[in-house]
Amino acid sequence: MKLAIGRLLSPLFLKNPQKPLIITKRFYSTPGERRIKDILTEKLSPSSLRVIDVSGGCGSMYQVAIKSKAFQGKNTLAQHRLVNSILKEEIRNMHGLNLSTEVEDDISAGGSTTSS
């Protein structure tokens, strides 16, 4: 099957027609993603939260995007410090954390976006 897909698409899409084209999409969360989501949901009650293990599933690097009213009145540094303090124990076992925070306004249409 993989070889057939590679051959079918090779003239148009593949640089190397000898290698099959494999497309995958994850439809599950890793245990680390679920744990971070649970902790941030409990502490910050976000209106929007996305946690992705970008280390290939080993749990060493995460990308977190969060929108919460808890960030109101805080600058970007203070928002990130708040998240870092909440995830202090988890961060000890990570290689890195890519964090994006956003303030949830009372008017849901327009929020102040901050990220790093």
PDB file of N, CA and C in Angstrom:
ATOM      1  N   MET A   1       0.827  -1.196   0.000  1.00  0.00           N
ATOM      2  CA  MET A   1       0.000   0.000   0.000  1.00  0.00           C
ATOM      3  C   MET A   1       0.869   1.256   0.000  1.00  0.00           C
ATOM      4  N   LYS A   2       1.847   1.318   0.898  1.00  0.00           N
ATOM      5  CA  LYS A   2       2.701   2.496   0.958  1.00  0.00           C
ATOM      6  C   LYS A   2       3.429   2.702  -0.362  1.00  0.00           C
ATOM      7  N   LEU A   3       3.931   1.619  -0.921  1.00  0.00           N
ATOM      8  CA  LEU A   3       4.667   1.705  -2.173  1.00  0.00           C
ATOM      9  C   LEU A   3       3.760   2.172  -3.305  1.00  0.00           C
ATOM     10  N   ALA A   4       2.531   1.679  -3.297  1.00  0.00           N
ATOM     11  CA  ALA A   4       1.579   2.083  -4.333  1.00  0.00           C
ATOM     12  C   ALA A   4       1.283   3.575  -4.241  1.00  0.00           C
ATOM     13  N   ILE A   5       1.120   4.071  -3.037  1.00  0.00           N
ATOM     14  CA  ILE A   5       0.866   5.504  -2.866  1.00  0.00           C
ATOM     15  C   ILE A   5       2.064   6.298  -3.362  1.00  0.00           C
ATOM     16  N   GLY A   6       3.254   5.859  -3.001  1.00  0.00           N
ATOM     17  CA  GLY A   6       4.466   6.541  -3.448  1.00  0.00           C
ATOM     18  C   GLY A   6       4.585   6.564  -4.956  1.00  0.00           C
ATOM     19  N   ARG A   7       4.303   5.447  -5.590  1.00  0.00           N
ATOM     20  CA  ARG A   7       4.384   5.380  -7.051  1.00  0.00           C
ATOM     21  C   ARG A   7       3.303   6.232  -7.704  1.00  0.00           C
ATOM     22  N   LEU A   8       2.122   6.219  -7.114  1.00  0.00           N
ATOM     23  CA  LEU A   8       1.015   6.989  -7.670  1.00  0.00           C
ATOM     24  C   LEU A   8       1.321   8.484  -7.660  1.00  0.00           C
ATOM     25  N   LEU A   9       1.922   8.969  -6.590  1.00  0.00           N
ATOM     26  CA  LEU A   9       2.169  10.393  -6.450  1.00  0.00           C
ATOM     27  C   LEU A   9       3.564  10.820  -6.888  1.00  0.00           C
ATOM     28  N   SER A  10       4.444   9.865  -7.128  1.00  0.00           N
ATOM     29  CA  SER A  10       5.836  10.216  -7.370  1.00  0.00           C
ATOM     30  C   SER A  10       6.072  11.176  -8.532  1.00  0.00           C
ATOM     31  N   PRO A  11       5.386  11.070  -9.654  1.00  0.00           N
ATOM     32  CA  PRO A  11       5.692  12.007 -10.736  1.00  0.00           C
ATOM     33  C   PRO A  11       5.406  13.466 -10.377  1.00  0.00           C
ATOM     34  N   LEU A  12       4.415  13.697  -9.539  1.00  0.00           N
ATOM     35  CA  LEU A  12       4.012  15.068  -9.248  1.00  0.00           C
ATOM     36  C   LEU A  12       4.532  15.609  -7.920  1.00  0.00           C
ATOM     37  N   PHE A  13       4.621  14.758  -6.902  1.00  0.00           N
ATOM     38  CA  PHE A  13       4.844  15.273  -5.560  1.00  0.00           C
ATOM     39  C   PHE A  13       6.124  14.823  -4.873  1.00  0.00           C
ATOM     40  N   LEU A  14       6.745  13.795  -5.353  1.00  0.00           N
ATOM     41  CA  LEU A  14       7.909  13.268  -4.648  1.00  0.00           C
ATOM     42  C   LEU A  14       9.201  13.567  -5.384  1.00  0.00           C
ATOM     43  N   LYS A  15      10.212  13.969  -4.629  1.00  0.00           N
ATOM     44  CA  LYS A  15      11.525  14.173  -5.229  1.00  0.00           C
ATOM     45  C   LYS A  15      12.194  12.831  -5.486  1.00  0.00           C
ATOM     46  N   ASN A  16      11.965  11.877  -4.596  1.00  0.00           N
ATOM     47  CA  ASN A  16      12.535  10.546  -4.738  1.00  0.00           C
ATOM     48  C   ASN A  16      11.398   9.543  -4.896  1.00  0.00           C
ATOM     49  N   PRO A  17      11.109   9.107  -6.125  1.00  0.00           N
ATOM     50  CA  PRO A  17       9.976   8.209  -6.349  1.00  0.00           C
ATOM     51  C   PRO A  17      10.173   6.817  -5.757  1.00  0.00           C
ATOM     52  N   GLN A  18      11.375   6.491  -5.303  1.00  0.00           N
ATOM     53  CA  GLN A  18      11.614   5.174  -4.713  1.00  0.00           C
ATOM     54  C   GLN A  18      11.114   5.093  -3.269  1.00  0.00           C
ATOM     55  N   LYS A  19      10.935   6.238  -2.629  1.00  0.00           N
ATOM     56  CA  LYS A  19      10.462   6.249  -1.248  1.00  0.00           C
ATOM     57  C   LYS A  19       8.966   6.538  -1.229  1.00  0.00           C
ATOM     58  N   PRO A  20       8.209   5.792  -0.433  1.00  0.00           N
ATOM     59  CA  PRO A  20       6.760   6.019  -0.377  1.00  0.00           C
ATOM     60  C   PRO A  20       6.420   7.293   0.388  1.00  0.00           C
ATOM     61  N   LEU A  21       5.295   7.884   0.051  1.00  0.00           N
ATOM     62  CA  LEU A  21       4.787   9.057   0.749  1.00  0.00           C
ATOM     63  C   LEU A  21       3.959   8.578   1.930  1.00  0.00           C
ATOM     64  N   ILE A  22       4.324   8.996   3.111  1.00  0.00           N
ATOM     65  CA  ILE A  22       3.590   8.600   4.303  1.00  0.00           C
ATOM     66  C   ILE A  22       3.106   9.865   4.997  1.00  0.00           C
ATOM     67  N   ILE A  23       1.807   9.968   5.162  1.00  0.00           N
ATOM     68  CA  ILE A  23       1.204  11.121   5.813  1.00  0.00           C
ATOM     69  C   ILE A  23       0.524  10.627   7.079  1.00  0.00           C
ATOM     70  N   THR A  24       0.855  11.243   8.205  1.00  0.00           N
ATOM     71  CA  THR A  24       0.230  10.845   9.461  1.00  0.00           C
ATOM     72  C   THR A  24      -0.270  12.070  10.194  1.00  0.00           C
ATOM     73  N   LYS A  25      -1.314  11.891  10.959  1.00  0.00           N
ATOM     74  CA  LYS A  25      -1.835  12.941  11.826  1.00  0.00           C
ATOM     75  C   LYS A  25      -2.227  12.286  13.139  1.00  0.00           C
ATOM     76  N   ARG A  26      -1.806  12.910  14.223  1.00  0.00           N
ATOM     77  CA  ARG A  26      -2.115  12.372  15.533  1.00  0.00           C
ATOM     78  C   ARG A  26      -3.526  12.750  15.938  1.00  0.00           C
ATOM     79  N   PHE A  27      -4.284  11.751  16.390  1.00  0.00           N
ATOM     80  CA  PHE A  27      -5.637  12.001  16.869  1.00  0.00           C
ATOM     81  C   PHE A  27      -5.750  11.668  18.358  1.00  0.00           C
ATOM     82  N   TYR A  28      -4.647  11.741  19.065  1.00  0.00           N
ATOM     83  CA  TYR A  28      -4.635  11.397  20.480  1.00  0.00           C
ATOM     84  C   TYR A  28      -3.739  12.384  21.223  1.00  0.00           C
ATOM     85  N   SER A  29      -3.871  12.392  22.536  1.00  0.00           N
ATOM     86  CA  SER A  29      -3.010  13.217  23.381  1.00  0.00           C
ATOM     87  C   SER A  29      -2.049  12.310  24.125  1.00  0.00           C
ATOM     88  N   THR A  30      -0.843  12.798  24.324  1.00  0.00           N
ATOM     89  CA  THR A  30       0.116  12.047  25.127  1.00  0.00           C
ATOM     90  C   THR A  30      -0.225  12.256  26.601  1.00  0.00           C
ATOM     91  N   PRO A  31       0.263  11.393  27.488  1.00  0.00           N
ATOM     92  CA  PRO A  31       0.011  11.589  28.922  1.00  0.00           C
ATOM     93  C   PRO A  31       0.509  12.953  29.418  1.00  0.00           C
ATOM     94  N   GLY A  32       1.642  13.404  28.905  1.00  0.00           N
ATOM     95  CA  GLY A  32       2.168  14.710  29.299  1.00  0.00           C
ATOM     96  C   GLY A  32       1.265  15.849  28.866  1.00  0.00           C
ATOM     97  N   GLU A  33       0.727  15.764  27.652  1.00  0.00           N
ATOM     98  CA  GLU A  33      -0.206  16.791  27.167  1.00  0.00           C
ATOM     99  C   GLU A  33      -1.437  16.845  28.061  1.00  0.00           C
ATOM    100  N   ARG A  34      -1.987  15.685  28.374  1.00  0.00           N
ATOM    101  CA  ARG A  34      -3.188  15.636  29.216  1.00  0.00           C
ATOM    102  C   ARG A  34      -2.908  16.207  30.608  1.00  0.00           C
ATOM    103  N   ARG A  35      -1.751  15.876  31.169  1.00  0.00           N
ATOM    104  CA  ARG A  35      -1.409  16.369  32.509  1.00  0.00           C
ATOM    105  C   ARG A  35      -1.287  17.898  32.513  1.00  0.00           C
ATOM    106  N   ILE A  36      -0.595  18.451  31.535  1.00  0.00           N
ATOM    107  CA  ILE A  36      -0.440  19.907  31.450  1.00  0.00           C
ATOM    108  C   ILE A  36      -1.794  20.574  31.247  1.00  0.00           C
ATOM    109  N   LYS A  37      -2.629  20.009  30.377  1.00  0.00           N
ATOM    110  CA  LYS A  37      -3.977  20.557  30.160  1.00  0.00           C
ATOM    111  C   LYS A  37      -4.780  20.545  31.452  1.00  0.00           C
ATOM    112  N   ASP A  38      -4.738  19.425  32.169  1.00  0.00           N
ATOM    113  CA  ASP A  38      -5.495  19.318  33.421  1.00  0.00           C
ATOM    114  C   ASP A  38      -5.040  20.360  34.441  1.00  0.00           C
ATOM    115  N   ILE A  39      -3.738  20.519  34.599  1.00  0.00           N
ATOM    116  CA  ILE A  39      -3.194  21.469  35.578  1.00  0.00           C
ATOM    117  C   ILE A  39      -3.578  22.902  35.217  1.00  0.00           C
ATOM    118  N   LEU A  40      -3.360  23.292  33.957  1.00  0.00           N
ATOM    119  CA  LEU A  40      -3.664  24.666  33.539  1.00  0.00           C
ATOM    120  C   LEU A  40      -5.161  24.943  33.564  1.00  0.00           C
ATOM    121  N   THR A  41      -5.971  23.953  33.225  1.00  0.00           N
ATOM    122  CA  THR A  41      -7.423  24.128  33.267  1.00  0.00           C
ATOM    123  C   THR A  41      -7.889  24.352  34.699  1.00  0.00           C
ATOM    124  N   GLU A  42      -7.343  23.585  35.627  1.00  0.00           N
ATOM    125  CA  GLU A  42      -7.721  23.720  37.035  1.00  0.00           C
ATOM    126  C   GLU A  42      -7.302  25.072  37.608  1.00  0.00           C
ATOM    127  N   LYS A  43      -6.112  25.525  37.291  1.00  0.00           N
ATOM    128  CA  LYS A  43      -5.567  26.743  37.904  1.00  0.00           C
ATOM    129  C   LYS A  43      -5.986  28.041  37.215  1.00  0.00           C
ATOM    130  N   LEU A  44      -6.167  28.012  35.881  1.00  0.00           N
ATOM    131  CA  LEU A  44      -6.399  29.260  35.139  1.00  0.00           C
ATOM    132  C   LEU A  44      -7.758  29.343  34.451  1.00  0.00           C
ATOM    133  N   SER A  45      -8.535  28.286  34.454  1.00  0.00           N
ATOM    134  CA  SER A  45      -9.846  28.253  33.785  1.00  0.00           C
ATOM    135  C   SER A  45      -9.796  28.931  32.415  1.00  0.00           C
ATOM    136  N   PRO A  46      -8.958  28.449  31.523  1.00  0.00           N
ATOM    137  CA  PRO A  46      -8.804  29.119  30.226  1.00  0.00           C
ATOM    138  C   PRO A  46     -10.030  28.956  29.331  1.00  0.00           C
ATOM    139  N   SER A  47     -10.262  29.952  28.497  1.00  0.00           N
ATOM    140  CA  SER A  47     -11.323  29.837  27.498  1.00  0.00           C
ATOM    141  C   SER A  47     -10.803  29.091  26.278  1.00  0.00           C
ATOM    142  N   SER A  48      -9.487  29.070  26.128  1.00  0.00           N
ATOM    143  CA  SER A  48      -8.849  28.356  25.028  1.00  0.00           C
ATOM    144  C   SER A  48      -7.508  27.822  25.520  1.00  0.00           C
ATOM    145  N   LEU A  49      -7.235  26.555  25.195  1.00  0.00           N
ATOM    146  CA  LEU A  49      -5.975  25.945  25.619  1.00  0.00           C
ATOM    147  C   LEU A  49      -5.568  24.877  24.612  1.00  0.00           C
ATOM    148  N   ARG A  50      -4.342  24.995  24.131  1.00  0.00           N
ATOM    149  CA  ARG A  50      -3.789  23.985  23.218  1.00  0.00           C
ATOM    150  C   ARG A  50      -2.418  23.584  23.747  1.00  0.00           C
ATOM    151  N   VAL A  51      -2.230  22.290  23.947  1.00  0.00           N
ATOM    152  CA  VAL A  51      -0.953  21.751  24.412  1.00  0.00           C
ATOM    153  C   VAL A  51      -0.520  20.683  23.425  1.00  0.00           C
ATOM    154  N   ILE A  52       0.679  20.833  22.883  1.00  0.00           N
ATOM    155  CA  ILE A  52       1.195  19.879  21.905  1.00  0.00           C
ATOM    156  C   ILE A  52       2.591  19.432  22.321  1.00  0.00           C
ATOM    157  N   ASP A  53       2.781  18.124  22.374  1.00  0.00           N
ATOM    158  CA  ASP A  53       4.107  17.554  22.618  1.00  0.00           C
ATOM    159  C   ASP A  53       4.844  17.596  21.286  1.00  0.00           C
ATOM    160  N   VAL A  54       5.784  18.516  21.152  1.00  0.00           N
ATOM    161  CA  VAL A  54       6.509  18.684  19.886  1.00  0.00           C
ATOM    162  C   VAL A  54       7.824  17.912  19.875  1.00  0.00           C
ATOM    163  N   SER A  55       7.995  17.033  20.873  1.00  0.00           N
ATOM    164  CA  SER A  55       9.223  16.241  20.947  1.00  0.00           C
ATOM    165  C   SER A  55       9.046  14.858  20.341  1.00  0.00           C
ATOM    166  N   GLY A  56       7.933  14.631  19.670  1.00  0.00           N
ATOM    167  CA  GLY A  56       7.703  13.321  19.083  1.00  0.00           C
ATOM    168  C   GLY A  56       7.106  12.331  20.063  1.00  0.00           C
ATOM    169  N   GLY A  57       6.586  12.811  21.167  1.00  0.00           N
ATOM    170  CA  GLY A  57       5.917  11.945  22.121  1.00  0.00           C
ATOM    171  C   GLY A  57       6.725  11.597  23.350  1.00  0.00           C
ATOM    172  N   CYS A  58       7.980  12.011  23.417  1.00  0.00           N
ATOM    173  CA  CYS A  58       8.803  11.643  24.579  1.00  0.00           C
ATOM    174  C   CYS A  58       8.608  12.599  25.755  1.00  0.00           C
ATOM    175  N   GLY A  59       7.936  13.720  25.547  1.00  0.00           N
ATOM    176  CA  GLY A  59       7.611  14.620  26.648  1.00  0.00           C
ATOM    177  C   GLY A  59       8.693  15.596  27.050  1.00  0.00           C
ATOM    178  N   SER A  60       9.647  15.848  26.168  1.00  0.00           N
ATOM    179  CA  SER A  60      10.730  16.754  26.548  1.00  0.00           C
ATOM    180  C   SER A  60      10.521  18.186  26.062  1.00  0.00           C
ATOM    181  N   MET A  61       9.576  18.402  25.142  1.00  0.00           N
ATOM    182  CA  MET A  61       9.345  19.746  24.597  1.00  0.00           C
ATOM    183  C   MET A  61       7.853  19.913  24.310  1.00  0.00           C
ATOM    184  N   TYR A  62       7.288  20.998  24.811  1.00  0.00           N
ATOM    185  CA  TYR A  62       5.859  21.253  24.623  1.00  0.00           C
ATOM    186  C   TYR A  62       5.626  22.645  24.059  1.00  0.00           C
ATOM    187  N   GLN A  63       4.543  22.750  23.313  1.00  0.00           N
ATOM    188  CA  GLN A  63       4.064  24.033  22.808  1.00  0.00           C
ATOM    189  C   GLN A  63       2.707  24.264  23.472  1.00  0.00           C
ATOM    190  N   VAL A  64       2.571  25.378  24.177  1.00  0.00           N
ATOM    191  CA  VAL A  64       1.341  25.688  24.903  1.00  0.00           C
ATOM    192  C   VAL A  64       0.821  27.042  24.446  1.00  0.00           C
ATOM    193  N   ALA A  65      -0.441  27.079  24.051  1.00  0.00           N
ATOM    194  CA  ALA A  65      -1.127  28.331  23.717  1.00  0.00           C
ATOM    195  C   ALA A  65      -2.348  28.411  24.631  1.00  0.00           C
ATOM    196  N   ILE A  66      -2.440  29.472  25.406  1.00  0.00           N
ATOM    197  CA  ILE A  66      -3.501  29.577  26.404  1.00  0.00           C
ATOM    198  C   ILE A  66      -4.101  30.979  26.411  1.00  0.00           C
ATOM    199  N   LYS A  67      -5.425  31.036  26.565  1.00  0.00           N
ATOM    200  CA  LYS A  67      -6.166  32.294  26.655  1.00  0.00           C
ATOM    201  C   LYS A  67      -6.978  32.239  27.944  1.00  0.00           C
ATOM    202  N   SER A  68      -6.771  33.237  28.818  1.00  0.00           N
ATOM    203  CA  SER A  68      -7.435  33.205  30.121  1.00  0.00           C
ATOM    204  C   SER A  68      -7.664  34.609  30.673  1.00  0.00           C
ATOM    205  N   LYS A  69      -8.733  34.755  31.447  1.00  0.00           N
ATOM    206  CA  LYS A  69      -8.990  36.012  32.148  1.00  0.00           C
ATOM    207  C   LYS A  69      -7.974  36.241  33.258  1.00  0.00           C
ATOM    208  N   ALA A  70      -7.321  35.183  33.698  1.00  0.00           N
ATOM    209  CA  ALA A  70      -6.317  35.299  34.765  1.00  0.00           C
ATOM    210  C   ALA A  70      -5.136  36.171  34.350  1.00  0.00           C
ATOM    211  N   PHE A  71      -4.989  36.427  33.054  1.00  0.00           N
ATOM    212  CA  PHE A  71      -3.880  37.240  32.555  1.00  0.00           C
ATOM    213  C   PHE A  71      -4.208  38.732  32.505  1.00  0.00           C
ATOM    214  N   GLN A  72      -5.456  39.107  32.788  1.00  0.00           N
ATOM    215  CA  GLN A  72      -5.841  40.515  32.728  1.00  0.00           C
ATOM    216  C   GLN A  72      -4.991  41.340  33.686  1.00  0.00           C
ATOM    217  N   GLY A  73      -4.491  42.472  33.182  1.00  0.00           N
ATOM    218  CA  GLY A  73      -3.682  43.376  33.982  1.00  0.00           C
ATOM    219  C   GLY A  73      -2.224  42.967  34.105  1.00  0.00           C
ATOM    220  N   LYS A  74      -1.848  41.872  33.467  1.00  0.00           N
ATOM    221  CA  LYS A  74      -0.465  41.392  33.533  1.00  0.00           C
ATOM    222  C   LYS A  74       0.214  41.575  32.181  1.00  0.00           C
ATOM    223  N   ASN A  75       1.468  41.973  32.210  1.00  0.00           N
ATOM    224  CA  ASN A  75       2.216  42.055  30.954  1.00  0.00           C
ATOM    225  C   ASN A  75       2.658  40.645  30.545  1.00  0.00           C
ATOM    226  N   THR A  76       3.273  40.538  29.393  1.00  0.00           N
ATOM    227  CA  THR A  76       3.673  39.235  28.860  1.00  0.00           C
ATOM    228  C   THR A  76       4.569  38.474  29.824  1.00  0.00           C
ATOM    229  N   LEU A  77       5.551  39.149  30.383  1.00  0.00           N
ATOM    230  CA  LEU A  77       6.471  38.493  31.307  1.00  0.00           C
ATOM    231  C   LEU A  77       5.732  37.933  32.523  1.00  0.00           C
ATOM    232  N   ALA A  78       4.827  38.711  33.082  1.00  0.00           N
ATOM    233  CA  ALA A  78       4.060  38.260  34.248  1.00  0.00           C
ATOM    234  C   ALA A  78       3.151  37.080  33.896  1.00  0.00           C
ATOM    235  N   GLN A  79       2.564  37.115  32.698  1.00  0.00           N
ATOM    236  CA  GLN A  79       1.721  36.000  32.252  1.00  0.00           C
ATOM    237  C   GLN A  79       2.537  34.714  32.159  1.00  0.00           C
ATOM    238  N   HIS A  80       3.716  34.822  31.558  1.00  0.00           N
ATOM    239  CA  HIS A  80       4.570  33.648  31.384  1.00  0.00           C
ATOM    240  C   HIS A  80       5.099  33.150  32.728  1.00  0.00           C
ATOM    241  N   ARG A  81       5.426  34.068  33.617  1.00  0.00           N
ATOM    242  CA  ARG A  81       5.878  33.663  34.954  1.00  0.00           C
ATOM    243  C   ARG A  81       4.774  32.919  35.702  1.00  0.00           C
ATOM    244  N   LEU A  82       3.545  33.373  35.528  1.00  0.00           N
ATOM    245  CA  LEU A  82       2.409  32.706  36.166  1.00  0.00           C
ATOM    246  C   LEU A  82       2.285  31.266  35.665  1.00  0.00           C
ATOM    247  N   VAL A  83       2.312  31.085  34.359  1.00  0.00           N
ATOM    248  CA  VAL A  83       2.215  29.736  33.785  1.00  0.00           C
ATOM    249  C   VAL A  83       3.409  28.889  34.222  1.00  0.00           C
ATOM    250  N   ASN A  84       4.605  29.461  34.178  1.00  0.00           N
ATOM    251  CA  ASN A  84       5.800  28.720  34.592  1.00  0.00           C
ATOM    252  C   ASN A  84       5.721  28.292  36.056  1.00  0.00           C
ATOM    253  N   SER A  85       5.192  29.158  36.917  1.00  0.00           N
ATOM    254  CA  SER A  85       5.084  28.788  38.334  1.00  0.00           C
ATOM    255  C   SER A  85       4.064  27.668  38.535  1.00  0.00           C
ATOM    256  N   ILE A  86       3.001  27.692  37.758  1.00  0.00           N
ATOM    257  CA  ILE A  86       1.984  26.641  37.844  1.00  0.00           C
ATOM    258  C   ILE A  86       2.543  25.304  37.356  1.00  0.00           C
ATOM    259  N   LEU A  87       3.372  25.351  36.324  1.00  0.00           N
ATOM    260  CA  LEU A  87       3.937  24.127  35.737  1.00  0.00           C
ATOM    261  C   LEU A  87       5.346  23.817  36.257  1.00  0.00           C
ATOM    262  N   LYS A  88       5.706  24.387  37.394  1.00  0.00           N
ATOM    263  CA  LYS A  88       7.069  24.272  37.919  1.00  0.00           C
ATOM    264  C   LYS A  88       7.567  22.823  37.969  1.00  0.00           C
ATOM    265  N   GLU A  89       6.787  21.926  38.513  1.00  0.00           N
ATOM    266  CA  GLU A  89       7.211  20.520  38.637  1.00  0.00           C
ATOM    267  C   GLU A  89       7.344  19.850  37.273  1.00  0.00           C
ATOM    268  N   GLU A  90       6.437  20.140  36.357  1.00  0.00           N
ATOM    269  CA  GLU A  90       6.486  19.534  35.024  1.00  0.00           C
ATOM    270  C   GLU A  90       7.676  20.063  34.231  1.00  0.00           C
ATOM    271  N   ILE A  91       7.970  21.349  34.386  1.00  0.00           N
ATOM    272  CA  ILE A  91       9.069  21.974  33.642  1.00  0.00           C
ATOM    273  C   ILE A  91      10.413  21.359  34.027  1.00  0.00           C
ATOM    274  N   ARG A  92      10.533  20.888  35.244  1.00  0.00           N
ATOM    275  CA  ARG A  92      11.788  20.252  35.680  1.00  0.00           C
ATOM    276  C   ARG A  92      12.162  19.057  34.801  1.00  0.00           C
ATOM    277  N   ASN A  93      11.166  18.391  34.245  1.00  0.00           N
ATOM    278  CA  ASN A  93      11.407  17.203  33.421  1.00  0.00           C
ATOM    279  C   ASN A  93      11.402  17.497  31.926  1.00  0.00           C
ATOM    280  N   MET A  94      11.276  18.764  31.556  1.00  0.00           N
ATOM    281  CA  MET A  94      11.214  19.149  30.143  1.00  0.00           C
ATOM    282  C   MET A  94      12.555  19.671  29.654  1.00  0.00           C
ATOM    283  N   HIS A  95      12.727  19.585  28.356  1.00  0.00           N
ATOM    284  CA  HIS A  95      13.866  20.231  27.702  1.00  0.00           C
ATOM    285  C   HIS A  95      13.515  21.684  27.387  1.00  0.00           C
ATOM    286  N   GLY A  96      12.245  21.914  27.024  1.00  0.00           N
ATOM    287  CA  GLY A  96      11.838  23.270  26.682  1.00  0.00           C
ATOM    288  C   GLY A  96      10.334  23.429  26.633  1.00  0.00           C
ATOM    289  N   LEU A  97       9.899  24.681  26.701  1.00  0.00           N
ATOM    290  CA  LEU A  97       8.484  25.026  26.667  1.00  0.00           C
ATOM    291  C   LEU A  97       8.311  26.256  25.789  1.00  0.00           C
ATOM    292  N   ASN A  98       7.523  26.140  24.739  1.00  0.00           N
ATOM    293  CA  ASN A  98       7.189  27.258  23.863  1.00  0.00           C
ATOM    294  C   ASN A  98       5.822  27.738  24.316  1.00  0.00           C
ATOM    295  N   LEU A  99       5.753  28.937  24.842  1.00  0.00           N
ATOM    296  CA  LEU A  99       4.545  29.430  25.487  1.00  0.00           C
ATOM    297  C   LEU A  99       3.981  30.648  24.775  1.00  0.00           C
ATOM    298  N   SER A 100       2.680  30.615  24.530  1.00  0.00           N
ATOM    299  CA  SER A 100       1.962  31.743  23.951  1.00  0.00           C
ATOM    300  C   SER A 100       0.755  32.015  24.839  1.00  0.00           C
ATOM    301  N   THR A 101       0.645  33.244  25.341  1.00  0.00           N
ATOM    302  CA  THR A 101      -0.469  33.592  26.218  1.00  0.00           C
ATOM    303  C   THR A 101      -1.308  34.692  25.588  1.00  0.00           C
ATOM    304  N   GLU A 102      -2.579  34.686  25.939  1.00  0.00           N
ATOM    305  CA  GLU A 102      -3.501  35.695  25.420  1.00  0.00           C
ATOM    306  C   GLU A 102      -4.503  36.040  26.513  1.00  0.00           C
ATOM    307  N   VAL A 103      -4.802  37.323  26.635  1.00  0.00           N
ATOM    308  CA  VAL A 103      -5.771  37.788  27.623  1.00  0.00           C
ATOM    309  C   VAL A 103      -7.170  37.599  27.064  1.00  0.00           C
ATOM    310  N   GLU A 104      -8.032  36.989  27.857  1.00  0.00           N
ATOM    311  CA  GLU A 104      -9.432  36.853  27.473  1.00  0.00           C
ATOM    312  C   GLU A 104     -10.170  38.097  27.941  1.00  0.00           C
ATOM    313  N   ASP A 105     -10.708  38.849  27.001  1.00  0.00           N
ATOM    314  CA  ASP A 105     -11.481  40.039  27.343  1.00  0.00           C
ATOM    315  C   ASP A 105     -12.911  39.647  27.673  1.00  0.00           C
ATOM    316  N   ASP A 106     -13.618  40.550  28.356  1.00  0.00           N
ATOM    317  CA  ASP A 106     -15.036  40.323  28.607  1.00  0.00           C
ATOM    318  C   ASP A 106     -15.793  40.256  27.293  1.00  0.00           C
ATOM    319  N   ILE A 107     -15.331  41.032  26.319  1.00  0.00           N
ATOM    320  CA  ILE A 107     -15.890  40.960  24.969  1.00  0.00           C
ATOM    321  C   ILE A 107     -15.031  39.950  24.228  1.00  0.00           C
ATOM    322  N   SER A 108     -15.583  38.798  23.955  1.00  0.00           N
ATOM    323  CA  SER A 108     -14.792  37.688  23.418  1.00  0.00           C
ATOM    324  C   SER A 108     -14.202  37.961  22.045  1.00  0.00           C
ATOM    325  N   ALA A 109     -14.714  38.938  21.330  1.00  0.00           N
ATOM    326  CA  ALA A 109     -14.227  39.195  19.973  1.00  0.00           C
ATOM    327  C   ALA A 109     -12.823  39.771  19.949  1.00  0.00           C
ATOM    328  N   GLY A 110     -12.486  40.646  20.883  1.00  0.00           N
ATOM    329  CA  GLY A 110     -11.188  41.309  20.810  1.00  0.00           C
ATOM    330  C   GLY A 110     -10.347  41.067  22.041  1.00  0.00           C
ATOM    331  N   GLY A 111      -9.260  40.326  21.876  1.00  0.00           N
ATOM    332  CA  GLY A 111      -8.371  40.068  22.998  1.00  0.00           C
ATOM    333  C   GLY A 111      -7.008  40.659  22.744  1.00  0.00           C
ATOM    334  N   SER A 112      -6.290  40.892  23.795  1.00  0.00           N
ATOM    335  CA  SER A 112      -4.917  41.375  23.690  1.00  0.00           C
ATOM    336  C   SER A 112      -4.005  40.168  23.586  1.00  0.00           C
ATOM    337  N   THR A 113      -3.287  40.053  22.501  1.00  0.00           N
ATOM    338  CA  THR A 113      -2.446  38.890  22.276  1.00  0.00           C
ATOM    339  C   THR A 113      -1.026  39.171  22.704  1.00  0.00           C
ATOM    340  N   THR A 114      -0.481  38.239  23.475  1.00  0.00           N
ATOM    341  CA  THR A 114       0.921  38.309  23.839  1.00  0.00           C
ATOM    342  C   THR A 114       1.506  36.930  23.645  1.00  0.00           C
ATOM    343  N   SER A 115       2.725  36.870  23.167  1.00  0.00           N
ATOM    344  CA  SER A 115       3.356  35.572  22.978  1.00  0.00           C
ATOM    345  C   SER A 115       4.854  35.717  23.042  1.00  0.00           C
ATOM    346  N   SER A 116       5.483  34.556  23.158  1.00  0.00           N
ATOM    347  CA  SER A 116       6.946  34.557  23.138  1.00  0.00           C
ATOM    348  C   SER A 116       7.441  33.472  22.229  1.00  0.00           C
TER     349      SER A 116
END
